[in-house]
């Protein structure tokens, strides 16, 4: 399993923070998939207007060069 360099992680984080400002300054959980891609998972908890806690998840799939391939979010 090849580790992602700190610079690549910072570049991905910067791109994600620009596009999804709600997740700014959240450190992702970084895991490598069997096909050589890397998945960044950003999680945070918020409360709805009714005060009900919900978990928000942003999942970003990145190739070995640091290029974002796919982004998915929870509702």
C-alpha atoms as a PDB file:
ATOM      1  CA  UNK A   1       0.000   0.000   0.000  1.00  0.00           C
ATOM      2  CA  UNK A   2       1.652   3.213  -1.168  1.00  0.00           C
ATOM      3  CA  UNK A   3       1.096   6.090   1.207  1.00  0.00           C
ATOM      4  CA  UNK A   4      -0.170   9.377  -0.177  1.00  0.00           C
ATOM      5  CA  UNK A   5       2.375  12.154   0.342  1.00  0.00           C
ATOM      6  CA  UNK A   6       1.503  15.002   2.688  1.00  0.00           C
ATOM      7  CA  UNK A   7       1.641  17.409  -0.264  1.00  0.00           C
ATOM      8  CA  UNK A   8      -0.930  15.385  -2.245  1.00  0.00           C
ATOM      9  CA  UNK A   9      -3.184  15.184   0.811  1.00  0.00           C
ATOM     10  CA  UNK A  10      -2.920  18.958   1.283  1.00  0.00           C
ATOM     11  CA  UNK A  11      -3.724  19.541  -2.399  1.00  0.00           C
ATOM     12  CA  UNK A  12      -6.818  17.332  -2.221  1.00  0.00           C
ATOM     13  CA  UNK A  13      -7.913  18.997   1.033  1.00  0.00           C
ATOM     14  CA  UNK A  14      -7.486  22.466  -0.467  1.00  0.00           C
ATOM     15  CA  UNK A  15      -9.607  21.548  -3.488  1.00  0.00           C
ATOM     16  CA  UNK A  16     -12.300  19.969  -1.309  1.00  0.00           C
ATOM     17  CA  UNK A  17     -12.367  22.938   1.086  1.00  0.00           C
ATOM     18  CA  UNK A  18     -12.848  25.350  -1.848  1.00  0.00           C
ATOM     19  CA  UNK A  19     -15.751  23.372  -3.300  1.00  0.00           C
ATOM     20  CA  UNK A  20     -17.341  22.205  -0.031  1.00  0.00           C
ATOM     21  CA  UNK A  21     -16.758  24.957   2.511  1.00  0.00           C
ATOM     22  CA  UNK A  22     -18.971  23.188   5.088  1.00  0.00           C
ATOM     23  CA  UNK A  23     -16.179  20.632   5.479  1.00  0.00           C
ATOM     24  CA  UNK A  24     -13.362  23.164   5.827  1.00  0.00           C
ATOM     25  CA  UNK A  25     -10.699  22.257   8.394  1.00  0.00           C
ATOM     26  CA  UNK A  26     -12.028  18.721   8.845  1.00  0.00           C
ATOM     27  CA  UNK A  27      -9.264  16.135   8.622  1.00  0.00           C
ATOM     28  CA  UNK A  28     -10.275  13.222   6.412  1.00  0.00           C
ATOM     29  CA  UNK A  29      -9.889   9.531   7.025  1.00  0.00           C
ATOM     30  CA  UNK A  30      -7.654   8.346   4.161  1.00  0.00           C
ATOM     31  CA  UNK A  31      -7.783   4.747   2.896  1.00  0.00           C
ATOM     32  CA  UNK A  32      -6.481   3.028  -0.208  1.00  0.00           C
ATOM     33  CA  UNK A  33      -8.742   0.840  -2.351  1.00  0.00           C
ATOM     34  CA  UNK A  34      -7.783  -2.422  -4.036  1.00  0.00           C
ATOM     35  CA  UNK A  35      -7.651  -0.732  -7.472  1.00  0.00           C
ATOM     36  CA  UNK A  36      -4.922   1.696  -6.348  1.00  0.00           C
ATOM     37  CA  UNK A  37      -7.161   4.709  -5.796  1.00  0.00           C
ATOM     38  CA  UNK A  38      -7.377   6.544  -2.491  1.00  0.00           C
ATOM     39  CA  UNK A  39     -10.589   7.484  -0.690  1.00  0.00           C
ATOM     40  CA  UNK A  40     -10.828  10.548   1.536  1.00  0.00           C
ATOM     41  CA  UNK A  41     -13.808  10.522   3.925  1.00  0.00           C
ATOM     42  CA  UNK A  42     -14.739  13.789   5.628  1.00  0.00           C
ATOM     43  CA  UNK A  43     -17.322  13.496   8.425  1.00  0.00           C
ATOM     44  CA  UNK A  44     -19.013  16.025  10.643  1.00  0.00           C
ATOM     45  CA  UNK A  45     -22.078  16.189  12.842  1.00  0.00           C
ATOM     46  CA  UNK A  46     -24.634  18.984  12.777  1.00  0.00           C
ATOM     47  CA  UNK A  47     -28.093  19.591  14.136  1.00  0.00           C
ATOM     48  CA  UNK A  48     -31.161  20.195  12.026  1.00  0.00           C
ATOM     49  CA  UNK A  49     -33.452  23.161  12.603  1.00  0.00           C
ATOM     50  CA  UNK A  50     -35.496  20.835  14.848  1.00  0.00           C
ATOM     51  CA  UNK A  51     -32.410  20.041  16.929  1.00  0.00           C
ATOM     52  CA  UNK A  52     -32.002  16.495  15.630  1.00  0.00           C
ATOM     53  CA  UNK A  53     -28.333  15.519  15.181  1.00  0.00           C
ATOM     54  CA  UNK A  54     -27.315  14.279  11.727  1.00  0.00           C
ATOM     55  CA  UNK A  55     -24.034  13.021  10.318  1.00  0.00           C
ATOM     56  CA  UNK A  56     -22.762  14.614   7.109  1.00  0.00           C
ATOM     57  CA  UNK A  57     -20.294  12.624   5.016  1.00  0.00           C
ATOM     58  CA  UNK A  58     -18.245  13.699   1.999  1.00  0.00           C
ATOM     59  CA  UNK A  59     -16.448  10.873   0.164  1.00  0.00           C
ATOM     60  CA  UNK A  60     -13.763  11.778  -2.388  1.00  0.00           C
ATOM     61  CA  UNK A  61     -12.056   9.182  -4.609  1.00  0.00           C
ATOM     62  CA  UNK A  62      -8.615  10.210  -5.869  1.00  0.00           C
ATOM     63  CA  UNK A  63      -6.230   8.484  -8.294  1.00  0.00           C
ATOM     64  CA  UNK A  64      -2.513   7.872  -7.655  1.00  0.00           C
ATOM     65  CA  UNK A  65      -1.635  11.256  -9.213  1.00  0.00           C
ATOM     66  CA  UNK A  66      -3.896  13.155  -6.822  1.00  0.00           C
ATOM     67  CA  UNK A  67      -6.641  13.832  -9.378  1.00  0.00           C
ATOM     68  CA  UNK A  68     -10.200  13.728  -8.030  1.00  0.00           C
ATOM     69  CA  UNK A  69     -12.203  11.043  -9.817  1.00  0.00           C
ATOM     70  CA  UNK A  70     -15.479  11.051  -7.916  1.00  0.00           C
ATOM     71  CA  UNK A  71     -17.214  12.965  -5.114  1.00  0.00           C
ATOM     72  CA  UNK A  72     -20.298  11.841  -3.225  1.00  0.00           C
ATOM     73  CA  UNK A  73     -22.093  13.461  -0.296  1.00  0.00           C
ATOM     74  CA  UNK A  74     -24.736  12.447   2.175  1.00  0.00           C
ATOM     75  CA  UNK A  75     -27.988  14.371   2.309  1.00  0.00           C
END
